[in-house]
Each structure stands twice: as structure tokens, then as C-alpha cells.
Protein backbone atom coordinates (compact mmCIF):
# COMPACT_ATOMS: atom_id res chain seq x y z
CA MET A 1 -13.84 -20.54 -20.23
CA LYS A 2 -16.82 -22.88 -20.46
CA ASP A 3 -17.18 -25.75 -18.01
CA GLU A 4 -16.54 -28.30 -20.75
CA GLU A 5 -13.24 -26.63 -21.69
CA PHE A 6 -12.22 -26.33 -18.05
CA ASN A 7 -12.88 -30.02 -17.45
CA LYS A 8 -10.76 -30.87 -20.48
CA LEU A 9 -7.98 -28.76 -19.02
CA LEU A 10 -8.21 -30.65 -15.72
CA LYS A 11 -8.06 -33.96 -17.60
CA ALA A 12 -5.04 -32.76 -19.57
CA HIS A 13 -3.33 -31.92 -16.27
CA GLU A 14 -4.04 -35.43 -14.96
CA ASP A 15 -2.45 -36.88 -18.10
CA SER A 16 0.53 -34.49 -18.09
CA PRO A 17 0.99 -33.27 -14.49
CA LEU A 18 4.32 -31.52 -15.22
CA ASP A 19 3.22 -29.59 -18.30
CA LEU A 20 3.93 -25.98 -17.32
CA ASP A 21 1.59 -24.42 -19.88
CA ILE A 22 -1.35 -26.52 -18.65
CA ILE A 23 -0.56 -25.68 -15.02
CA ASN A 24 -0.32 -22.00 -15.91
CA SER A 25 -3.67 -22.09 -17.73
CA LEU A 26 -5.30 -23.70 -14.70
CA ALA A 27 -3.76 -21.09 -12.38
CA ILE A 28 -5.18 -18.25 -14.49
CA GLU A 29 -8.58 -19.90 -14.78
CA TYR A 30 -8.81 -20.41 -11.03
CA LEU A 31 -7.77 -16.79 -10.53
CA GLU A 32 -10.27 -15.28 -12.93
CA ASN A 33 -13.23 -17.60 -12.32
CA GLU A 34 -14.15 -17.92 -8.68
CA LYS A 35 -16.76 -20.57 -9.46
CA TYR A 36 -13.97 -23.10 -10.11
CA ARG A 37 -12.34 -22.50 -6.73
CA GLY A 38 -13.06 -24.79 -3.83
CA VAL A 39 -12.11 -24.28 -0.21
CA ALA A 40 -8.42 -24.50 -1.13
CA ASN A 41 -6.38 -21.76 -2.78
CA GLU A 42 -5.99 -23.40 -6.15
CA HIS A 43 -4.97 -20.15 -7.82
CA PHE A 44 -2.03 -19.82 -5.41
CA ASP A 45 -1.18 -23.52 -5.55
CA PHE A 46 -0.97 -23.72 -9.34
CA PHE A 47 1.08 -20.56 -9.84
CA GLN A 48 3.45 -21.81 -7.13
CA LYS A 49 3.50 -25.32 -8.61
CA ALA A 50 4.62 -24.09 -12.03
CA TYR A 51 7.30 -21.95 -10.37
CA SER A 52 8.49 -24.90 -8.27
CA ILE A 53 8.75 -27.31 -11.20
CA LYS A 54 10.87 -25.02 -13.35
CA ARG A 55 11.84 -21.38 -12.99
CA THR A 56 11.36 -19.87 -16.43
CA VAL A 57 10.57 -16.28 -17.38
CA LYS A 58 6.92 -17.25 -17.64
CA THR A 59 6.61 -19.13 -14.34
CA THR A 60 8.60 -16.61 -12.27
CA HIS A 61 6.92 -13.58 -13.79
CA ASN A 62 3.40 -14.96 -13.41
CA PHE A 63 3.95 -16.13 -9.83
CA ALA A 64 5.44 -12.75 -8.88
CA ARG A 65 2.53 -10.94 -10.51
CA PHE A 66 -0.01 -13.09 -8.74
CA LEU A 67 1.67 -12.55 -5.38
CA TYR A 68 2.04 -8.79 -5.75
CA TYR A 69 -1.22 -7.84 -7.43
CA TYR A 70 -3.58 -10.38 -5.87
CA TRP A 71 -2.26 -12.43 -2.98
CA ALA A 72 -0.67 -9.49 -1.13
CA GLU A 73 -4.02 -7.70 -1.10
CA TRP A 74 -5.89 -10.73 0.18
CA GLU A 75 -3.19 -11.50 2.68
CA PHE A 76 -3.15 -7.93 3.97
CA ASP A 77 -6.75 -8.42 5.03
CA HIS A 78 -5.41 -11.02 7.46
CA GLN A 79 -2.52 -8.77 8.56
CA GLN A 80 0.15 -10.96 6.98
CA LYS A 81 2.56 -8.73 5.11
CA ASN A 82 5.45 -10.90 3.96
CA THR A 83 4.19 -11.40 0.40
CA ILE A 84 5.41 -8.18 -1.22
CA PRO A 85 9.13 -8.77 -0.45
CA LYS A 86 8.70 -12.32 -1.76
CA ALA A 87 7.05 -11.07 -4.95
CA LEU A 88 9.84 -8.54 -5.54
CA ALA A 89 12.50 -11.21 -5.02
CA ILE A 90 10.82 -13.59 -7.48
CA GLN A 91 10.46 -10.82 -10.07
CA GLU A 92 14.19 -10.19 -9.69
CA GLU A 93 14.77 -13.91 -10.37
CA CYS A 94 12.76 -13.44 -13.55
CA LEU A 95 14.88 -10.48 -14.66
CA ALA A 96 18.06 -12.46 -14.00
CA LEU A 97 16.89 -14.78 -16.80
CA LYS A 98 17.19 -11.79 -19.19
CA PRO A 99 13.65 -11.74 -20.63
CA ASN A 100 13.10 -10.74 -24.23
CA SER A 101 9.62 -9.22 -23.80
CA TYR A 102 8.68 -6.03 -22.01
CA TYR A 103 6.27 -7.70 -19.56
CA PRO A 104 8.78 -8.40 -16.74
CA TYR A 105 10.45 -4.98 -16.98
CA SER A 106 7.18 -3.09 -16.97
CA GLN A 107 5.88 -5.16 -14.09
CA TYR A 108 8.99 -4.71 -11.97
CA GLY A 109 9.04 -1.00 -12.75
CA TYR A 110 5.50 -0.67 -11.45
CA MET A 111 6.30 -2.69 -8.34
CA LEU A 112 9.24 -0.41 -7.53
CA LEU A 113 7.17 2.69 -8.25
CA ASP A 114 4.49 1.34 -5.92
CA GLN A 115 7.17 1.01 -3.23
CA ASN A 116 8.25 4.64 -3.85
CA GLN A 117 11.59 3.53 -5.30
CA PHE A 118 11.23 5.98 -8.15
CA GLU A 119 14.82 6.19 -9.42
CA LYS A 120 15.17 2.43 -9.62
CA ALA A 121 11.71 2.12 -11.19
CA ILE A 122 12.72 4.50 -13.98
CA THR A 123 15.59 2.19 -14.97
CA TYR A 124 13.25 -0.73 -15.65
CA LEU A 125 10.45 1.33 -17.17
CA LEU A 126 12.94 2.72 -19.69
CA ILE A 127 14.00 -0.83 -20.61
CA SER A 128 10.34 -1.74 -21.00
CA ASN A 129 9.80 1.16 -23.38
CA GLU A 130 12.88 0.21 -25.40
CA LYS A 131 11.30 -3.18 -25.99
CA ASN A 132 7.76 -1.90 -26.53
CA ALA A 133 6.88 1.79 -26.21
CA HIS A 134 3.53 2.01 -24.41
CA SER A 135 1.40 4.90 -23.19
CA LEU A 136 1.00 3.35 -19.75
CA THR A 137 4.77 3.06 -19.39
CA TYR A 138 5.21 6.69 -20.41
CA HIS A 139 2.60 7.63 -17.81
CA ASN A 140 4.43 5.74 -15.08
CA LEU A 141 7.71 7.32 -16.11
CA GLY A 142 6.05 10.72 -15.84
CA TYR A 143 4.73 9.74 -12.41
CA CYS A 144 8.23 8.75 -11.22
CA TYR A 145 9.92 11.88 -12.57
CA TYR A 146 7.18 14.01 -11.02
CA HIS A 147 7.75 12.55 -7.57
CA LEU A 148 11.47 13.12 -7.97
CA GLY A 149 10.80 16.80 -8.70
CA ASP A 150 12.03 16.48 -12.30
CA TYR A 151 9.06 18.30 -13.82
CA GLU A 152 10.64 18.74 -17.25
CA ASN A 153 10.97 14.98 -17.73
CA SER A 154 7.57 14.33 -16.15
CA LYS A 155 6.07 16.80 -18.64
CA ILE A 156 7.76 15.03 -21.57
CA ASN A 157 6.56 11.57 -20.55
CA PHE A 158 3.02 12.58 -19.59
CA SER A 159 2.79 14.34 -22.95
CA LEU A 160 3.84 11.17 -24.78
CA ALA A 161 1.36 9.14 -22.73
CA SER A 162 -1.48 11.55 -23.51
CA GLU A 163 -1.27 10.74 -27.21
CA SER A 164 -3.21 7.56 -26.42
CA ALA A 165 -6.83 7.58 -25.27
CA LYS A 166 -6.04 5.13 -22.45
CA ASN A 167 -6.75 6.84 -19.09
CA ARG A 168 -6.35 10.19 -20.84
CA ASP A 169 -7.83 12.33 -18.05
CA LEU A 170 -5.41 10.93 -15.48
CA THR A 171 -2.43 11.48 -17.77
CA LEU A 172 -3.49 15.01 -18.68
CA TYR A 173 -3.80 15.78 -14.99
CA GLY A 174 -0.17 14.72 -14.51
CA LEU A 175 0.80 16.84 -17.50
CA ALA A 176 -1.07 19.84 -16.07
CA LEU A 177 0.65 19.45 -12.70
CA SER A 178 4.03 19.31 -14.41
CA HIS A 179 3.31 22.50 -16.35
CA TYR A 180 2.03 24.12 -13.16
CA HIS A 181 5.35 23.50 -11.40
CA LEU A 182 7.17 24.83 -14.46
CA ASN A 183 5.01 28.01 -14.29
CA ASN A 184 3.48 27.29 -17.70
CA THR A 185 0.07 28.79 -16.89
CA ASP A 186 -1.12 28.91 -20.49
CA ALA A 187 -0.37 25.21 -20.95
CA VAL A 188 -2.31 24.34 -17.79
CA ARG A 189 -5.26 26.36 -19.06
CA GLU A 190 -5.12 24.66 -22.47
CA ILE A 191 -5.27 21.21 -20.85
CA GLY A 192 -8.20 22.31 -18.70
CA ASN A 193 -10.02 23.53 -21.80
CA GLN A 194 -9.40 20.19 -23.55
CA LEU A 195 -11.02 18.33 -20.67
CA LEU A 196 -13.83 20.87 -20.40
CA LEU A 197 -14.83 20.08 -23.99
CA ASP A 198 -15.18 16.42 -22.98
CA LEU A 199 -17.83 17.37 -20.43
CA GLU A 200 -20.40 18.34 -23.06
CA PRO A 201 -23.31 15.88 -22.85
CA LYS A 202 -23.64 13.39 -25.66
CA ASP A 203 -27.16 12.24 -26.54
CA GLY A 204 -28.36 13.71 -23.25
CA TYR A 205 -25.90 11.58 -21.29
CA HIS A 206 -23.11 12.98 -19.10
CA PRO A 207 -20.36 10.36 -19.37
CA LYS A 208 -17.55 12.39 -17.79
CA ASP A 209 -16.77 13.35 -14.22
CA GLY A 210 -15.57 16.96 -14.20
CA PHE A 211 -13.44 16.67 -11.07
CA ILE A 212 -10.06 16.50 -12.81
CA ALA A 213 -10.84 19.38 -15.18
CA ALA A 214 -12.15 21.47 -12.27
CA THR A 215 -9.04 20.78 -10.20
CA ILE A 216 -6.78 21.77 -13.12
CA PHE A 217 -8.53 25.14 -13.36
CA TYR A 218 -8.21 25.55 -9.60
CA LEU A 219 -4.43 25.30 -10.05
CA ILE A 220 -4.50 28.62 -11.90
CA LYS A 221 -7.27 30.10 -9.74
CA ASP A 222 -9.79 30.30 -12.58
CA PHE A 223 -12.84 29.91 -10.36
CA GLU A 224 -15.31 30.64 -13.17
CA LYS A 225 -13.99 27.67 -15.15
CA VAL A 226 -13.90 25.50 -12.03
CA THR A 227 -17.58 26.29 -11.55
CA GLU A 228 -18.35 25.50 -15.19
CA CYS A 229 -16.70 22.09 -14.76
CA VAL A 230 -18.67 21.47 -11.58
CA ARG A 231 -21.91 22.40 -13.33
CA LYS A 232 -21.25 20.30 -16.43
CA GLY A 233 -19.42 17.30 -15.05
CA CYS A 234 -19.74 17.03 -11.25
CA ILE A 235 -23.31 17.73 -10.19
CA THR A 236 -24.41 15.43 -13.01
CA GLN A 237 -22.74 12.50 -11.21
CA HIS A 238 -24.71 10.38 -8.75
CA GLY A 239 -23.77 10.99 -5.14
CA PHE A 240 -21.76 14.16 -5.78
CA ASP A 241 -21.44 16.38 -2.71
CA LEU A 242 -19.86 19.77 -3.35
CA LEU A 243 -18.86 20.28 0.27
CA GLU A 244 -16.73 17.13 0.28
CA LYS A 245 -14.21 18.95 -1.95
CA ASP A 246 -13.09 22.17 -0.27
CA HIS A 247 -11.41 23.63 -3.34
CA LEU A 248 -14.49 23.10 -5.49
CA ALA A 249 -16.80 24.51 -2.82
CA TYR A 250 -14.56 27.57 -2.49
CA SER A 251 -14.51 28.15 -6.25
CA VAL A 252 -18.28 27.84 -6.66
CA TYR A 253 -18.86 30.05 -3.62
CA LYS A 254 -16.68 32.75 -5.21
CA ALA A 255 -18.04 32.43 -8.75
CA ASP A 256 -21.71 31.47 -8.38
CA LYS A 257 -23.28 31.79 -4.92
CA LEU A 258 -26.69 30.70 -6.24
CA LEU A 259 -25.25 27.37 -7.41
CA TYR A 260 -23.39 27.02 -4.12
CA GLU A 261 -26.58 27.60 -2.08
CA GLU A 262 -28.51 25.22 -4.33
CA GLN A 263 -25.98 22.43 -3.74
CA VAL A 264 -25.91 23.10 0.01
CA ASN A 265 -29.69 22.98 0.20
CA ILE A 266 -29.85 19.72 -1.75
CA GLY A 267 -27.67 18.15 0.92
CA ILE A 268 -29.73 19.66 3.74
CA GLU A 269 -33.04 18.45 2.30
CA SER A 270 -31.60 14.97 1.79
CA ARG A 271 -30.60 14.82 5.46
CA LYS A 272 -34.00 16.09 6.56
CA ARG A 273 -35.61 13.23 4.65
CA ASN A 274 -33.25 10.78 6.32
CA ILE A 275 -34.21 12.16 9.73
CA GLN A 276 -37.88 11.71 8.95
CA GLU A 277 -37.25 8.13 7.82
CA CYS A 278 -35.54 7.44 11.14
CA LYS A 279 -38.50 8.87 13.03
CA ASP A 280 -40.95 6.83 10.98
CA ASN A 281 -39.09 3.65 11.95
CA ASN A 282 -40.06 3.73 15.64
CA VAL A 283 -36.87 5.44 16.76
CA ASN A 284 -34.41 3.19 18.61
CA TRP A 285 -31.05 4.11 20.08
CA GLU A 286 -29.19 3.55 16.80
CA GLU A 287 -31.55 5.83 14.92
CA ASN A 288 -31.29 8.41 17.69
CA LEU A 289 -27.53 8.48 17.16
CA ARG A 290 -28.09 8.72 13.41
CA ILE A 291 -30.50 11.65 13.88
CA LYS A 292 -27.96 13.49 16.04
CA GLN A 293 -25.31 12.96 13.37
CA LEU A 294 -27.63 14.20 10.60
CA LEU A 295 -28.55 17.31 12.61
CA LYS A 296 -24.85 18.02 13.10
CA GLU A 297 -24.26 17.64 9.35
CA ILE A 298 -27.13 20.02 8.58
CA ASN A 299 -25.67 22.62 10.93
CA ASN A 300 -22.22 22.18 9.37
CA ARG A 301 -23.66 22.71 5.89
CA LYS A 302 -25.44 25.87 6.96
CA ASN A 303 -22.18 27.29 8.30
CA PHE A 304 -19.73 25.85 5.80
CA HIS A 305 -19.38 29.17 3.96
CA LYS A 306 -17.68 30.67 7.03
CA GLN A 307 -14.55 28.64 6.27
CA LEU A 308 -14.40 29.79 2.66
CA ASN A 309 -12.74 33.15 3.27
CA ILE A 310 -9.39 31.99 1.92
CA PRO A 311 -8.49 29.39 -0.73
CA PRO A 312 -8.20 25.93 0.86
CA VAL A 313 -4.78 24.33 0.93
CA THR A 314 -5.09 21.35 -1.41
CA ASP A 315 -2.79 18.36 -1.82
CA PHE A 316 -2.93 18.14 -5.58
CA GLU A 317 -0.63 15.11 -5.69
CA MET A 318 -3.19 12.94 -3.91
CA HIS A 319 -5.25 12.93 -7.12
CA LEU A 320 -2.33 11.77 -9.28
CA TYR A 321 -2.05 8.00 -9.66
CA PRO A 322 0.24 5.59 -11.50
CA ASN A 323 -1.24 3.35 -14.14
CA LYS A 324 -1.47 -0.35 -13.56
CA PHE A 325 -0.89 -2.23 -16.77
CA GLU A 326 -3.60 -4.33 -18.22
CA CYS A 327 -3.16 -8.03 -17.61
CA LEU A 328 0.49 -9.02 -18.03
CA LEU A 329 0.07 -12.69 -17.20
CA PHE A 330 1.81 -14.81 -19.82
CA GLY A 331 -0.73 -17.15 -21.38
CA CYS A 332 -3.89 -15.27 -20.37
CA GLU A 333 -6.24 -15.93 -23.26
CA ASN A 334 -8.99 -13.74 -21.78
CA HIS A 335 -6.81 -10.65 -22.25
CA LYS A 336 -4.95 -11.86 -25.35
CA SER A 337 -1.62 -11.68 -23.54
CA LEU A 338 1.64 -13.07 -24.88
CA ASN A 339 1.78 -16.82 -24.39
CA ASN A 340 5.50 -16.90 -23.66
CA ASP A 341 8.48 -14.59 -23.39
CA ILE A 342 9.25 -13.73 -26.99
CA SER A 343 11.21 -10.88 -28.52
């Protein structure tokens, strides 16, 4: 929003201080444009103000979303953790108003999922999909079923979610994990091959990170394909360090020792340069500590292969994430959201 439009909005609020739509617009603008914020927490104040004046689907939903997605994170930095229960309670107030749109159900489903209340989350995500079937909702349903050990239903929902291009790699990873637990090795391999095709450079540019594809192939112990993914989609990424991912290091060590040694040496040479930079800076006590740490890292890299005799135990679930919805704030013009709760 341009300054002129924002000032008009402020003037409109002065003229109509109880207009909920104007208050909501100001709350969103303060939230999304830090330049309009002063020393006070206007974004909090205006969401709360709308909620205090009248508890509608829009005001309760938006205040709950602000508290859960934004304020709780900021507040956590100050070790104050009472916001999440408050946000959940306000979202429940919203649902008691029997909303027509899917926004409140999807939002509450994600909140519950985020609190590991998977069975309860499924109830509301299903309602959300009845009102508006969405790939992100299917993904979150798959995520819930997966964590409940219902791999057949997680497979079904991840498959439905994968039909959309939105966060496709993440969804296909969930689908691959589901097939893996159902002992569908061929299906896991097929998904890995789909993602491997995406790693081909386009116009000389490597847009994809091969980590997910590589990890999928590691599920079925196809170390050659893991190494191909590393070569095409991992080492092309800035800051990639093979030894930070045990299962990738193991696979490359088994399938292509020359590539493994090349990646190890790249890390060693980088650390040697860092040591020399420290020495060139008239070494002080901090740089001495840094040099000792770098020498230790070099030694670890030289000997890392000694721990690659057996496949590393990998927590595959740690790479599976739920999908946060795009902006679900009623009245957010920047994201073309619904203005009000409509059927």
C-alpha cells in the first residue's frame, strides 16, 4: 500500500473508529509493512481492537491467526508462552460461529497438527476440504495420517496433494515415505525418478536441490541413484557440505569414491584458507580458538570415512513437514484473500 492510501485509511478510521473492516485493513497493513509501525505494537492492537468490538468470524479468525502465526513467535523470543493457548481458544470461538468458508477450518486443523493433535486435526481438515478441496489441505491430511501410522490414508492424501505443483517435492517425499512403509519399493523408485528428472539443468542453471530425491533413493538403498542426485542437485548448491548428511556421504562413498574424496578435499582446502586468513589478521585469542577448531574439522574430514562402514541410521521423518497455508487473513488485499466469511 502506498503512503497516500495508508494515510487515507488512517483518516477513514478517525472518521469511523468502530468500522471493523477499516480496523482490519489497518491491522494487516501494520503487520505486513514494518515502516508504518512505531514503538507501539499497532498490528497487535488493531487485530485485538476489532475482536473486542465485535466477535465475528472475520475478527476472531484474524486475531487467532495473528496470535498463532506471528505474535507467538515474537513472544517466544521473550520467553512468554501463553499466546498459543489463547490463539487456540479464540479460533474455537470462531468455529462456534459456524463459518461458511474453509479458512477457519483449515487454520484450526493446522494449529492442531502443529500441536501434534493429529486425530483432532484430521476432523477439521476434512471439513475444510469439503468446503474447498485444496492441495495443501490434502498434504496436511497426509502428514497427520502418516504420524498416526495410517500409511494407506497418508499415501492417498499425499497422492492427491501431489497433483498440484505447490510444494511438490515436499509432498512427493511424504508419498515416498508412505509407500516405503507399505513396502511398495517400485513406487518409491518411481517417485525418486520423477524428482531426478527435475534436477536436469535448465539454461545452464541448477534450480533444484537434490536432497529430497537423494534421500528417497536412500530409502531403497540405491546408492548409485543417491550419488547421481548429489552430483546433479546437491553439489551445485551454494554451501553444500556432503559430510553434514551422513546418509548422503555413505552413499557417495560406496558408489563413487572419487567424488567423495573430491568433496572432502574441497572442505579441507576451504578450512586451510580460513586458517591462513586468521594468521594474516595478526592472530589474537579468538582467532587462535578458531584455528584450533578448523584444524579439528580438517582432521575429522580426513577420518570421516572410518565411520562409513555401515549405513547410518537416519530419521527420515525429520525431513517431512506440514504445509502452512498461504495467507488466510480475511481482507488481505496483498494476497487476494476472501474479504469476509462467505460460502
